[in-house]
Amino acid sequence: MMRKMAKRVAAGVGLLAMSARQSVWAALPTPVAPSTAPAAGDWIGLIKGYIKDGGLVLGLAIAVLGFVWVAYLGFAKFNEARQGKAEWAEVGVLGIVGAVVLIFASYLLTEAAGVI
């Protein structure tokens, strides 16, 4: 039992001595600057840039959810029309209105990217 403990202590002391001799630095990548590219040392500009990029990503995520929702409704209405619960004209109207809504959402996203 004492030998196991002595081996553990010796291993710990050896690792400590090795780590004290060598400098251990991680080779981390540099962070990506925001799209506004603030001047060096401008922390407020950097934070504003990251908030802007985060807002754009959030807007894109909401738009993707809108696209998925319109697609889901289209498939559901198509399935209802195949089963005879809905008319095919409803599927066509949903397709046209869904396309208009998605085009409008894309337009709003591009305008918001310019404003933010």
PDB file of N, CA and C in Angstrom:
ATOM      1  N   MET A   1       0.822  -1.183   0.000  1.00  0.00           N
ATOM      2  CA  MET A   1       0.000   0.000   0.000  1.00  0.00           C
ATOM      3  C   MET A   1       0.873   1.257   0.000  1.00  0.00           C
ATOM      4  N   MET A   2       1.930   1.224   0.772  1.00  0.00           N
ATOM      5  CA  MET A   2       2.827   2.377   0.845  1.00  0.00           C
ATOM      6  C   MET A   2       3.579   2.550  -0.467  1.00  0.00           C
ATOM      7  N   ARG A   3       3.861   1.446  -1.129  1.00  0.00           N
ATOM      8  CA  ARG A   3       4.575   1.539  -2.400  1.00  0.00           C
ATOM      9  C   ARG A   3       3.702   2.193  -3.470  1.00  0.00           C
ATOM     10  N   LYS A   4       2.410   1.825  -3.491  1.00  0.00           N
ATOM     11  CA  LYS A   4       1.496   2.445  -4.452  1.00  0.00           C
ATOM     12  C   LYS A   4       1.398   3.941  -4.205  1.00  0.00           C
ATOM     13  N   MET A   5       1.315   4.303  -2.946  1.00  0.00           N
ATOM     14  CA  MET A   5       1.215   5.714  -2.599  1.00  0.00           C
ATOM     15  C   MET A   5       2.505   6.445  -2.963  1.00  0.00           C
ATOM     16  N   ALA A   6       3.641   5.801  -2.729  1.00  0.00           N
ATOM     17  CA  ALA A   6       4.923   6.411  -3.068  1.00  0.00           C
ATOM     18  C   ALA A   6       5.056   6.577  -4.580  1.00  0.00           C
ATOM     19  N   LYS A   7       4.561   5.608  -5.346  1.00  0.00           N
ATOM     20  CA  LYS A   7       4.602   5.714  -6.799  1.00  0.00           C
ATOM     21  C   LYS A   7       3.715   6.860  -7.285  1.00  0.00           C
ATOM     22  N   ARG A   8       2.550   6.999  -6.679  1.00  0.00           N
ATOM     23  CA  ARG A   8       1.646   8.084  -7.069  1.00  0.00           C
ATOM     24  C   ARG A   8       2.253   9.447  -6.747  1.00  0.00           C
ATOM     25  N   VAL A   9       2.860   9.552  -5.594  1.00  0.00           N
ATOM     26  CA  VAL A   9       3.487  10.820  -5.212  1.00  0.00           C
ATOM     27  C   VAL A   9       4.648  11.120  -6.146  1.00  0.00           C
ATOM     28  N   ALA A  10       5.449  10.105  -6.461  1.00  0.00           N
ATOM     29  CA  ALA A  10       6.577  10.309  -7.366  1.00  0.00           C
ATOM     30  C   ALA A  10       6.095  10.706  -8.761  1.00  0.00           C
ATOM     31  N   ALA A  11       5.031  10.079  -9.225  1.00  0.00           N
ATOM     32  CA  ALA A  11       4.486  10.435 -10.538  1.00  0.00           C
ATOM     33  C   ALA A  11       3.949  11.862 -10.523  1.00  0.00           C
ATOM     34  N   GLY A  12       3.268  12.244  -9.459  1.00  0.00           N
ATOM     35  CA  GLY A  12       2.744  13.609  -9.346  1.00  0.00           C
ATOM     36  C   GLY A  12       3.853  14.635  -9.298  1.00  0.00           C
ATOM     37  N   VAL A  13       4.913  14.345  -8.540  1.00  0.00           N
ATOM     38  CA  VAL A  13       6.044  15.272  -8.460  1.00  0.00           C
ATOM     39  C   VAL A  13       6.743  15.355  -9.813  1.00  0.00           C
ATOM     40  N   GLY A  14       6.869  14.238 -10.498  1.00  0.00           N
ATOM     41  CA  GLY A  14       7.496  14.242 -11.822  1.00  0.00           C
ATOM     42  C   GLY A  14       6.695  15.053 -12.831  1.00  0.00           C
ATOM     43  N   LEU A  15       5.368  14.880 -12.833  1.00  0.00           N
ATOM     44  CA  LEU A  15       4.525  15.667 -13.740  1.00  0.00           C
ATOM     45  C   LEU A  15       4.588  17.149 -13.413  1.00  0.00           C
ATOM     46  N   LEU A  16       4.618  17.469 -12.127  1.00  0.00           N
ATOM     47  CA  LEU A  16       4.705  18.864 -11.712  1.00  0.00           C
ATOM     48  C   LEU A  16       6.034  19.468 -12.150  1.00  0.00           C
ATOM     49  N   ALA A  17       7.104  18.707 -12.020  1.00  0.00           N
ATOM     50  CA  ALA A  17       8.417  19.206 -12.429  1.00  0.00           C
ATOM     51  C   ALA A  17       8.480  19.399 -13.941  1.00  0.00           C
ATOM     52  N   MET A  18       7.897  18.473 -14.694  1.00  0.00           N
ATOM     53  CA  MET A  18       7.904  18.606 -16.151  1.00  0.00           C
ATOM     54  C   MET A  18       7.066  19.796 -16.603  1.00  0.00           C
ATOM     55  N   SER A  19       5.940  20.001 -15.953  1.00  0.00           N
ATOM     56  CA  SER A  19       5.089  21.121 -16.366  1.00  0.00           C
ATOM     57  C   SER A  19       5.701  22.457 -15.956  1.00  0.00           C
ATOM     58  N   ALA A  20       6.494  22.473 -14.916  1.00  0.00           N
ATOM     59  CA  ALA A  20       7.137  23.713 -14.497  1.00  0.00           C
ATOM     60  C   ALA A  20       8.286  24.070 -15.440  1.00  0.00           C
ATOM     61  N   ARG A  21       8.911  23.097 -16.050  1.00  0.00           N
ATOM     62  CA  ARG A  21      10.035  23.359 -16.943  1.00  0.00           C
ATOM     63  C   ARG A  21       9.577  23.868 -18.300  1.00  0.00           C
ATOM     64  N   GLN A  22       8.485  23.339 -18.815  1.00  0.00           N
ATOM     65  CA  GLN A  22       8.042  23.692 -20.155  1.00  0.00           C
ATOM     66  C   GLN A  22       6.859  24.653 -20.067  1.00  0.00           C
ATOM     67  N   SER A  23       6.894  25.645 -20.931  1.00  0.00           N
ATOM     68  CA  SER A  23       5.731  26.531 -20.974  1.00  0.00           C
ATOM     69  C   SER A  23       4.657  25.865 -21.825  1.00  0.00           C
ATOM     70  N   VAL A  24       3.481  25.830 -21.296  1.00  0.00           N
ATOM     71  CA  VAL A  24       2.371  25.167 -21.965  1.00  0.00           C
ATOM     72  C   VAL A  24       1.385  26.238 -22.410  1.00  0.00           C
ATOM     73  N   TRP A  25       1.334  26.478 -23.718  1.00  0.00           N
ATOM     74  CA  TRP A  25       0.411  27.456 -24.278  1.00  0.00           C
ATOM     75  C   TRP A  25      -0.423  26.769 -25.343  1.00  0.00           C
ATOM     76  N   ALA A  26      -1.697  27.003 -25.294  1.00  0.00           N
ATOM     77  CA  ALA A  26      -2.582  26.435 -26.298  1.00  0.00           C
ATOM     78  C   ALA A  26      -2.498  27.267 -27.573  1.00  0.00           C
ATOM     79  N   ALA A  27      -2.527  26.611 -28.699  1.00  0.00           N
ATOM     80  CA  ALA A  27      -2.498  27.298 -29.991  1.00  0.00           C
ATOM     81  C   ALA A  27      -3.934  27.560 -30.434  1.00  0.00           C
ATOM     82  N   LEU A  28      -4.580  28.510 -29.759  1.00  0.00           N
ATOM     83  CA  LEU A  28      -5.965  28.816 -30.066  1.00  0.00           C
ATOM     84  C   LEU A  28      -6.051  29.702 -31.302  1.00  0.00           C
ATOM     85  N   PRO A  29      -7.098  29.533 -32.083  1.00  0.00           N
ATOM     86  CA  PRO A  29      -7.250  30.405 -33.255  1.00  0.00           C
ATOM     87  C   PRO A  29      -7.683  31.802 -32.825  1.00  0.00           C
ATOM     88  N   THR A  30      -7.395  32.771 -33.663  1.00  0.00           N
ATOM     89  CA  THR A  30      -7.822  34.134 -33.353  1.00  0.00           C
ATOM     90  C   THR A  30      -9.317  34.250 -33.621  1.00  0.00           C
ATOM     91  N   PRO A  31     -10.036  35.023 -32.813  1.00  0.00           N
ATOM     92  CA  PRO A  31     -11.482  35.148 -33.030  1.00  0.00           C
ATOM     93  C   PRO A  31     -11.786  35.929 -34.304  1.00  0.00           C
ATOM     94  N   VAL A  32     -12.891  35.606 -34.893  1.00  0.00           N
ATOM     95  CA  VAL A  32     -13.304  36.274 -36.123  1.00  0.00           C
ATOM     96  C   VAL A  32     -13.879  37.636 -35.767  1.00  0.00           C
ATOM     97  N   ALA A  33     -13.414  38.663 -36.443  1.00  0.00           N
ATOM     98  CA  ALA A  33     -13.914  40.016 -36.196  1.00  0.00           C
ATOM     99  C   ALA A  33     -15.316  40.155 -36.780  1.00  0.00           C
ATOM    100  N   PRO A  34     -16.141  41.018 -36.200  1.00  0.00           N
ATOM    101  CA  PRO A  34     -17.479  41.214 -36.762  1.00  0.00           C
ATOM    102  C   PRO A  34     -17.413  41.870 -38.135  1.00  0.00           C
ATOM    103  N   SER A  35     -18.531  41.875 -38.808  1.00  0.00           N
ATOM    104  CA  SER A  35     -18.555  42.366 -40.190  1.00  0.00           C
ATOM    105  C   SER A  35     -18.297  43.866 -40.291  1.00  0.00           C
ATOM    106  N   THR A  36     -18.464  44.616 -39.185  1.00  0.00           N
ATOM    107  CA  THR A  36     -18.235  46.059 -39.244  1.00  0.00           C
ATOM    108  C   THR A  36     -16.761  46.411 -39.149  1.00  0.00           C
ATOM    109  N   ALA A  37     -15.919  45.509 -38.700  1.00  0.00           N
ATOM    110  CA  ALA A  37     -14.466  45.678 -38.606  1.00  0.00           C
ATOM    111  C   ALA A  37     -14.081  46.970 -37.880  1.00  0.00           C
ATOM    112  N   PRO A  38     -14.252  47.007 -36.550  1.00  0.00           N
ATOM    113  CA  PRO A  38     -13.885  48.216 -35.806  1.00  0.00           C
ATOM    114  C   PRO A  38     -12.371  48.382 -35.734  1.00  0.00           C
ATOM    115  N   ALA A  39     -11.951  49.568 -35.337  1.00  0.00           N
ATOM    116  CA  ALA A  39     -10.520  49.845 -35.199  1.00  0.00           C
ATOM    117  C   ALA A  39      -9.947  49.036 -34.038  1.00  0.00           C
ATOM    118  N   ALA A  40      -8.644  48.839 -34.047  1.00  0.00           N
ATOM    119  CA  ALA A  40      -7.988  48.076 -32.989  1.00  0.00           C
ATOM    120  C   ALA A  40      -8.154  48.805 -31.660  1.00  0.00           C
ATOM    121  N   GLY A  41      -8.578  48.082 -30.648  1.00  0.00           N
ATOM    122  CA  GLY A  41      -8.755  48.654 -29.321  1.00  0.00           C
ATOM    123  C   GLY A  41     -10.119  49.280 -29.090  1.00  0.00           C
ATOM    124  N   ASP A  42     -10.978  49.302 -30.093  1.00  0.00           N
ATOM    125  CA  ASP A  42     -12.317  49.872 -29.944  1.00  0.00           C
ATOM    126  C   ASP A  42     -13.263  48.773 -29.473  1.00  0.00           C
ATOM    127  N   TRP A  43     -13.339  48.593 -28.161  1.00  0.00           N
ATOM    128  CA  TRP A  43     -14.143  47.513 -27.594  1.00  0.00           C
ATOM    129  C   TRP A  43     -15.633  47.753 -27.776  1.00  0.00           C
ATOM    130  N   ILE A  44     -16.064  49.004 -27.669  1.00  0.00           N
ATOM    131  CA  ILE A  44     -17.481  49.308 -27.846  1.00  0.00           C
ATOM    132  C   ILE A  44     -17.904  49.007 -29.287  1.00  0.00           C
ATOM    133  N   GLY A  45     -17.071  49.393 -30.252  1.00  0.00           N
ATOM    134  CA  GLY A  45     -17.360  49.088 -31.654  1.00  0.00           C
ATOM    135  C   GLY A  45     -17.381  47.592 -31.912  1.00  0.00           C
ATOM    136  N   LEU A  46     -16.488  46.868 -31.237  1.00  0.00           N
ATOM    137  CA  LEU A  46     -16.445  45.415 -31.381  1.00  0.00           C
ATOM    138  C   LEU A  46     -17.729  44.784 -30.854  1.00  0.00           C
ATOM    139  N   ILE A  47     -18.169  45.232 -29.681  1.00  0.00           N
ATOM    140  CA  ILE A  47     -19.393  44.686 -29.095  1.00  0.00           C
ATOM    141  C   ILE A  47     -20.595  45.040 -29.964  1.00  0.00           C
ATOM    142  N   LYS A  48     -20.642  46.281 -30.469  1.00  0.00           N
ATOM    143  CA  LYS A  48     -21.742  46.673 -31.358  1.00  0.00           C
ATOM    144  C   LYS A  48     -21.752  45.809 -32.619  1.00  0.00           C
ATOM    145  N   GLY A  49     -20.570  45.516 -33.152  1.00  0.00           N
ATOM    146  CA  GLY A  49     -20.490  44.670 -34.342  1.00  0.00           C
ATOM    147  C   GLY A  49     -20.997  43.267 -34.082  1.00  0.00           C
ATOM    148  N   TYR A  50     -20.620  42.702 -32.922  1.00  0.00           N
ATOM    149  CA  TYR A  50     -21.104  41.364 -32.588  1.00  0.00           C
ATOM    150  C   TYR A  50     -22.611  41.365 -32.352  1.00  0.00           C
ATOM    151  N   ILE A  51     -23.146  42.434 -31.752  1.00  0.00           N
ATOM    152  CA  ILE A  51     -24.594  42.516 -31.546  1.00  0.00           C
ATOM    153  C   ILE A  51     -25.302  42.620 -32.895  1.00  0.00           C
ATOM    154  N   LYS A  52     -24.732  43.390 -33.809  1.00  0.00           N
ATOM    155  CA  LYS A  52     -25.321  43.505 -35.151  1.00  0.00           C
ATOM    156  C   LYS A  52     -25.334  42.149 -35.848  1.00  0.00           C
ATOM    157  N   ASP A  53     -24.205  41.458 -35.815  1.00  0.00           N
ATOM    158  CA  ASP A  53     -24.139  40.146 -36.451  1.00  0.00           C
ATOM    159  C   ASP A  53     -25.099  39.163 -35.787  1.00  0.00           C
ATOM    160  N   GLY A  54     -25.218  39.244 -34.460  1.00  0.00           N
ATOM    161  CA  GLY A  54     -26.165  38.380 -33.757  1.00  0.00           C
ATOM    162  C   GLY A  54     -27.599  38.673 -34.150  1.00  0.00           C
ATOM    163  N   GLY A  55     -27.923  39.956 -34.319  1.00  0.00           N
ATOM    164  CA  GLY A  55     -29.269  40.320 -34.761  1.00  0.00           C
ATOM    165  C   GLY A  55     -29.570  39.797 -36.154  1.00  0.00           C
ATOM    166  N   LEU A  56     -28.573  39.872 -37.028  1.00  0.00           N
ATOM    167  CA  LEU A  56     -28.771  39.347 -38.383  1.00  0.00           C
ATOM    168  C   LEU A  56     -28.961  37.833 -38.368  1.00  0.00           C
ATOM    169  N   VAL A  57     -28.197  37.143 -37.533  1.00  0.00           N
ATOM    170  CA  VAL A  57     -28.347  35.690 -37.437  1.00  0.00           C
ATOM    171  C   VAL A  57     -29.717  35.340 -36.860  1.00  0.00           C
ATOM    172  N   LEU A  58     -30.164  36.103 -35.862  1.00  0.00           N
ATOM    173  CA  LEU A  58     -31.491  35.861 -35.288  1.00  0.00           C
ATOM    174  C   LEU A  58     -32.579  36.097 -36.336  1.00  0.00           C
ATOM    175  N   GLY A  59     -32.447  37.158 -37.123  1.00  0.00           N
ATOM    176  CA  GLY A  59     -33.412  37.408 -38.193  1.00  0.00           C
ATOM    177  C   GLY A  59     -33.421  36.299 -39.228  1.00  0.00           C
ATOM    178  N   LEU A  60     -32.238  35.807 -39.568  1.00  0.00           N
ATOM    179  CA  LEU A  60     -32.170  34.691 -40.515  1.00  0.00           C
ATOM    180  C   LEU A  60     -32.813  33.433 -39.939  1.00  0.00           C
ATOM    181  N   ALA A  61     -32.617  33.194 -38.643  1.00  0.00           N
ATOM    182  CA  ALA A  61     -33.223  32.021 -38.010  1.00  0.00           C
ATOM    183  C   ALA A  61     -34.748  32.129 -38.030  1.00  0.00           C
ATOM    184  N   ILE A  62     -35.269  33.327 -37.766  1.00  0.00           N
ATOM    185  CA  ILE A  62     -36.720  33.515 -37.807  1.00  0.00           C
ATOM    186  C   ILE A  62     -37.238  33.319 -39.227  1.00  0.00           C
ATOM    187  N   ALA A  63     -36.495  33.808 -40.216  1.00  0.00           N
ATOM    188  CA  ALA A  63     -36.903  33.620 -41.611  1.00  0.00           C
ATOM    189  C   ALA A  63     -36.884  32.144 -41.999  1.00  0.00           C
ATOM    190  N   VAL A  64     -35.884  31.413 -41.519  1.00  0.00           N
ATOM    191  CA  VAL A  64     -35.828  29.974 -41.804  1.00  0.00           C
ATOM    192  C   VAL A  64     -37.031  29.275 -41.188  1.00  0.00           C
ATOM    193  N   LEU A  65     -37.401  29.670 -39.971  1.00  0.00           N
ATOM    194  CA  LEU A  65     -38.597  29.087 -39.358  1.00  0.00           C
ATOM    195  C   LEU A  65     -39.842  29.400 -40.185  1.00  0.00           C
ATOM    196  N   GLY A  66     -39.902  30.607 -40.744  1.00  0.00           N
ATOM    197  CA  GLY A  66     -41.025  30.951 -41.613  1.00  0.00           C
ATOM    198  C   GLY A  66     -41.060  30.084 -42.859  1.00  0.00           C
ATOM    199  N   PHE A  67     -39.909  29.863 -43.464  1.00  0.00           N
ATOM    200  CA  PHE A  67     -39.839  29.005 -44.646  1.00  0.00           C
ATOM    201  C   PHE A  67     -40.294  27.585 -44.305  1.00  0.00           C
ATOM    202  N   VAL A  68     -39.823  27.069 -43.180  1.00  0.00           N
ATOM    203  CA  VAL A  68     -40.196  25.710 -42.768  1.00  0.00           C
ATOM    204  C   VAL A  68     -41.693  25.640 -42.481  1.00  0.00           C
ATOM    205  N   TRP A  69     -42.240  26.681 -41.847  1.00  0.00           N
ATOM    206  CA  TRP A  69     -43.662  26.681 -41.512  1.00  0.00           C
ATOM    207  C   TRP A  69     -44.523  26.700 -42.779  1.00  0.00           C
ATOM    208  N   VAL A  70     -44.159  27.518 -43.754  1.00  0.00           N
ATOM    209  CA  VAL A  70     -44.915  27.561 -45.012  1.00  0.00           C
ATOM    210  C   VAL A  70     -44.816  26.216 -45.729  1.00  0.00           C
ATOM    211  N   ALA A  71     -43.645  25.606 -45.717  1.00  0.00           N
ATOM    212  CA  ALA A  71     -43.491  24.293 -46.348  1.00  0.00           C
ATOM    213  C   ALA A  71     -44.347  23.248 -45.636  1.00  0.00           C
ATOM    214  N   TYR A  72     -44.371  23.290 -44.305  1.00  0.00           N
ATOM    215  CA  TYR A  72     -45.192  22.342 -43.540  1.00  0.00           C
ATOM    216  C   TYR A  72     -46.670  22.521 -43.873  1.00  0.00           C
ATOM    217  N   LEU A  73     -47.123  23.776 -43.904  1.00  0.00           N
ATOM    218  CA  LEU A  73     -48.525  24.028 -44.241  1.00  0.00           C
ATOM    219  C   LEU A  73     -48.845  23.568 -45.658  1.00  0.00           C
ATOM    220  N   GLY A  74     -47.902  23.767 -46.575  1.00  0.00           N
ATOM    221  CA  GLY A  74     -48.116  23.318 -47.951  1.00  0.00           C
ATOM    222  C   GLY A  74     -48.264  21.811 -48.039  1.00  0.00           C
ATOM    223  N   PHE A  75     -47.404  21.086 -47.347  1.00  0.00           N
ATOM    224  CA  PHE A  75     -47.511  19.624 -47.353  1.00  0.00           C
ATOM    225  C   PHE A  75     -48.789  19.156 -46.672  1.00  0.00           C
ATOM    226  N   ALA A  76     -49.160  19.802 -45.579  1.00  0.00           N
ATOM    227  CA  ALA A  76     -50.383  19.412 -44.875  1.00  0.00           C
ATOM    228  C   ALA A  76     -51.612  19.659 -45.750  1.00  0.00           C
ATOM    229  N   LYS A  77     -51.655  20.813 -46.409  1.00  0.00           N
ATOM    230  CA  LYS A  77     -52.803  21.122 -47.274  1.00  0.00           C
ATOM    231  C   LYS A  77     -52.827  20.187 -48.477  1.00  0.00           C
ATOM    232  N   PHE A  78     -51.654  19.851 -49.017  1.00  0.00           N
ATOM    233  CA  PHE A  78     -51.587  18.905 -50.133  1.00  0.00           C
ATOM    234  C   PHE A  78     -52.126  17.544 -49.705  1.00  0.00           C
ATOM    235  N   ASN A  79     -51.757  17.107 -48.504  1.00  0.00           N
ATOM    236  CA  ASN A  79     -52.232  15.825 -47.993  1.00  0.00           C
ATOM    237  C   ASN A  79     -53.744  15.848 -47.801  1.00  0.00           C
ATOM    238  N   GLU A  80     -54.271  16.968 -47.285  1.00  0.00           N
ATOM    239  CA  GLU A  80     -55.722  17.080 -47.122  1.00  0.00           C
ATOM    240  C   GLU A  80     -56.427  17.034 -48.476  1.00  0.00           C
ATOM    241  N   ALA A  81     -55.847  17.674 -49.482  1.00  0.00           N
ATOM    242  CA  ALA A  81     -56.460  17.664 -50.813  1.00  0.00           C
ATOM    243  C   ALA A  81     -56.445  16.259 -51.405  1.00  0.00           C
ATOM    244  N   ARG A  82     -55.407  15.507 -51.163  1.00  0.00           N
ATOM    245  CA  ARG A  82     -55.347  14.130 -51.671  1.00  0.00           C
ATOM    246  C   ARG A  82     -56.382  13.245 -51.004  1.00  0.00           C
ATOM    247  N   GLN A  83     -56.673  13.527 -49.725  1.00  0.00           N
ATOM    248  CA  GLN A  83     -57.660  12.724 -48.995  1.00  0.00           C
ATOM    249  C   GLN A  83     -59.086  13.201 -49.248  1.00  0.00           C
ATOM    250  N   GLY A  84     -59.244  14.302 -49.944  1.00  0.00           N
ATOM    251  CA  GLY A  84     -60.570  14.814 -50.245  1.00  0.00           C
ATOM    252  C   GLY A  84     -61.130  15.736 -49.180  1.00  0.00           C
ATOM    253  N   LYS A  85     -60.336  16.095 -48.185  1.00  0.00           N
ATOM    254  CA  LYS A  85     -60.801  16.981 -47.117  1.00  0.00           C
ATOM    255  C   LYS A  85     -60.695  18.455 -47.502  1.00  0.00           C
ATOM    256  N   ALA A  86     -59.896  18.765 -48.509  1.00  0.00           N
ATOM    257  CA  ALA A  86     -59.725  20.144 -48.964  1.00  0.00           C
ATOM    258  C   ALA A  86     -59.715  20.146 -50.488  1.00  0.00           C
ATOM    259  N   GLU A  87     -59.960  21.299 -51.059  1.00  0.00           N
ATOM    260  CA  GLU A  87     -59.962  21.406 -52.515  1.00  0.00           C
ATOM    261  C   GLU A  87     -58.563  21.781 -53.003  1.00  0.00           C
ATOM    262  N   TRP A  88     -58.313  21.439 -54.267  1.00  0.00           N
ATOM    263  CA  TRP A  88     -57.003  21.719 -54.837  1.00  0.00           C
ATOM    264  C   TRP A  88     -56.772  23.211 -55.005  1.00  0.00           C
ATOM    265  N   ALA A  89     -57.842  23.957 -55.113  1.00  0.00           N
ATOM    266  CA  ALA A  89     -57.695  25.411 -55.220  1.00  0.00           C
ATOM    267  C   ALA A  89     -57.085  25.986 -53.946  1.00  0.00           C
ATOM    268  N   GLU A  90     -57.405  25.381 -52.808  1.00  0.00           N
ATOM    269  CA  GLU A  90     -56.820  25.834 -51.541  1.00  0.00           C
ATOM    270  C   GLU A  90     -55.309  25.612 -51.528  1.00  0.00           C
ATOM    271  N   VAL A  91     -54.873  24.516 -52.127  1.00  0.00           N
ATOM    272  CA  VAL A  91     -53.436  24.248 -52.213  1.00  0.00           C
ATOM    273  C   VAL A  91     -52.766  25.311 -53.084  1.00  0.00           C
ATOM    274  N   GLY A  92     -53.404  25.655 -54.197  1.00  0.00           N
ATOM    275  CA  GLY A  92     -52.852  26.678 -55.075  1.00  0.00           C
ATOM    276  C   GLY A  92     -52.798  28.039 -54.410  1.00  0.00           C
ATOM    277  N   VAL A  93     -53.873  28.396 -53.686  1.00  0.00           N
ATOM    278  CA  VAL A  93     -53.895  29.682 -52.984  1.00  0.00           C
ATOM    279  C   VAL A  93     -52.814  29.711 -51.912  1.00  0.00           C
ATOM    280  N   LEU A  94     -52.670  28.619 -51.180  1.00  0.00           N
ATOM    281  CA  LEU A  94     -51.630  28.558 -50.149  1.00  0.00           C
ATOM    282  C   LEU A  94     -50.244  28.692 -50.770  1.00  0.00           C
ATOM    283  N   GLY A  95     -50.031  28.072 -51.921  1.00  0.00           N
ATOM    284  CA  GLY A  95     -48.739  28.185 -52.590  1.00  0.00           C
ATOM    285  C   GLY A  95     -48.439  29.611 -53.017  1.00  0.00           C
ATOM    286  N   ILE A  96     -49.440  30.286 -53.569  1.00  0.00           N
ATOM    287  CA  ILE A  96     -49.229  31.665 -54.019  1.00  0.00           C
ATOM    288  C   ILE A  96     -49.016  32.595 -52.833  1.00  0.00           C
ATOM    289  N   VAL A  97     -49.879  32.496 -51.832  1.00  0.00           N
ATOM    290  CA  VAL A  97     -49.756  33.361 -50.652  1.00  0.00           C
ATOM    291  C   VAL A  97     -48.461  33.055 -49.900  1.00  0.00           C
ATOM    292  N   GLY A  98     -48.099  31.784 -49.791  1.00  0.00           N
ATOM    293  CA  GLY A  98     -46.852  31.418 -49.128  1.00  0.00           C
ATOM    294  C   GLY A  98     -45.644  31.975 -49.850  1.00  0.00           C
ATOM    295  N   ALA A  99     -45.670  31.929 -51.183  1.00  0.00           N
ATOM    296  CA  ALA A  99     -44.554  32.486 -51.954  1.00  0.00           C
ATOM    297  C   ALA A  99     -44.451  33.990 -51.749  1.00  0.00           C
ATOM    298  N   VAL A 100     -45.587  34.675 -51.720  1.00  0.00           N
ATOM    299  CA  VAL A 100     -45.572  36.125 -51.496  1.00  0.00           C
ATOM    300  C   VAL A 100     -45.030  36.447 -50.109  1.00  0.00           C
ATOM    301  N   VAL A 101     -45.465  35.694 -49.113  1.00  0.00           N
ATOM    302  CA  VAL A 101     -44.989  35.930 -47.745  1.00  0.00           C
ATOM    303  C   VAL A 101     -43.485  35.696 -47.650  1.00  0.00           C
ATOM    304  N   LEU A 102     -42.991  34.647 -48.278  1.00  0.00           N
ATOM    305  CA  LEU A 102     -41.562  34.350 -48.216  1.00  0.00           C
ATOM    306  C   LEU A 102     -40.738  35.390 -48.969  1.00  0.00           C
ATOM    307  N   ILE A 103     -41.237  35.868 -50.086  1.00  0.00           N
ATOM    308  CA  ILE A 103     -40.529  36.931 -50.812  1.00  0.00           C
ATOM    309  C   ILE A 103     -40.496  38.204 -49.979  1.00  0.00           C
ATOM    310  N   PHE A 104     -41.610  38.518 -49.329  1.00  0.00           N
ATOM    311  CA  PHE A 104     -41.661  39.706 -48.477  1.00  0.00           C
ATOM    312  C   PHE A 104     -40.708  39.565 -47.287  1.00  0.00           C
ATOM    313  N   ALA A 105     -40.645  38.372 -46.695  1.00  0.00           N
ATOM    314  CA  ALA A 105     -39.720  38.147 -45.574  1.00  0.00           C
ATOM    315  C   ALA A 105     -38.269  38.296 -46.033  1.00  0.00           C
ATOM    316  N   SER A 106     -37.959  37.802 -47.221  1.00  0.00           N
ATOM    317  CA  SER A 106     -36.599  37.953 -47.751  1.00  0.00           C
ATOM    318  C   SER A 106     -36.270  39.417 -47.999  1.00  0.00           C
ATOM    319  N   TYR A 107     -37.237  40.170 -48.510  1.00  0.00           N
ATOM    320  CA  TYR A 107     -37.037  41.601 -48.731  1.00  0.00           C
ATOM    321  C   TYR A 107     -36.778  42.319 -47.409  1.00  0.00           C
ATOM    322  N   LEU A 108     -37.575  41.998 -46.397  1.00  0.00           N
ATOM    323  CA  LEU A 108     -37.381  42.635 -45.095  1.00  0.00           C
ATOM    324  C   LEU A 108     -36.014  42.303 -44.505  1.00  0.00           C
ATOM    325  N   LEU A 109     -35.548  41.079 -44.709  1.00  0.00           N
ATOM    326  CA  LEU A 109     -34.225  40.701 -44.202  1.00  0.00           C
ATOM    327  C   LEU A 109     -33.117  41.497 -44.878  1.00  0.00           C
ATOM    328  N   THR A 110     -33.208  41.663 -46.179  1.00  0.00           N
ATOM    329  CA  THR A 110     -32.157  42.416 -46.865  1.00  0.00           C
ATOM    330  C   THR A 110     -32.189  43.889 -46.467  1.00  0.00           C
ATOM    331  N   GLU A 111     -33.370  44.442 -46.258  1.00  0.00           N
ATOM    332  CA  GLU A 111     -33.469  45.831 -45.809  1.00  0.00           C
ATOM    333  C   GLU A 111     -32.944  45.978 -44.384  1.00  0.00           C
ATOM    334  N   ALA A 112     -33.261  45.015 -43.531  1.00  0.00           N
ATOM    335  CA  ALA A 112     -32.793  45.079 -42.142  1.00  0.00           C
ATOM    336  C   ALA A 112     -31.279  44.961 -42.070  1.00  0.00           C
ATOM    337  N   ALA A 113     -30.694  44.166 -42.942  1.00  0.00           N
ATOM    338  CA  ALA A 113     -29.233  44.029 -42.941  1.00  0.00           C
ATOM    339  C   ALA A 113     -28.567  45.351 -43.287  1.00  0.00           C
ATOM    340  N   GLY A 114     -29.188  46.132 -44.155  1.00  0.00           N
ATOM    341  CA  GLY A 114     -28.626  47.429 -44.504  1.00  0.00           C
ATOM    342  C   GLY A 114     -28.831  48.468 -43.414  1.00  0.00           C
ATOM    343  N   VAL A 115     -29.934  48.374 -42.690  1.00  0.00           N
ATOM    344  CA  VAL A 115     -30.250  49.359 -41.651  1.00  0.00           C
ATOM    345  C   VAL A 115     -29.437  49.106 -40.392  1.00  0.00           C
ATOM    346  N   ILE A 116     -29.338  47.851 -40.007  1.00  0.00           N
ATOM    347  CA  ILE A 116     -28.612  47.519 -38.771  1.00  0.00           C
ATOM    348  C   ILE A 116     -27.156  47.792 -39.008  1.00  0.00           C
TER     349      ILE A 116
END
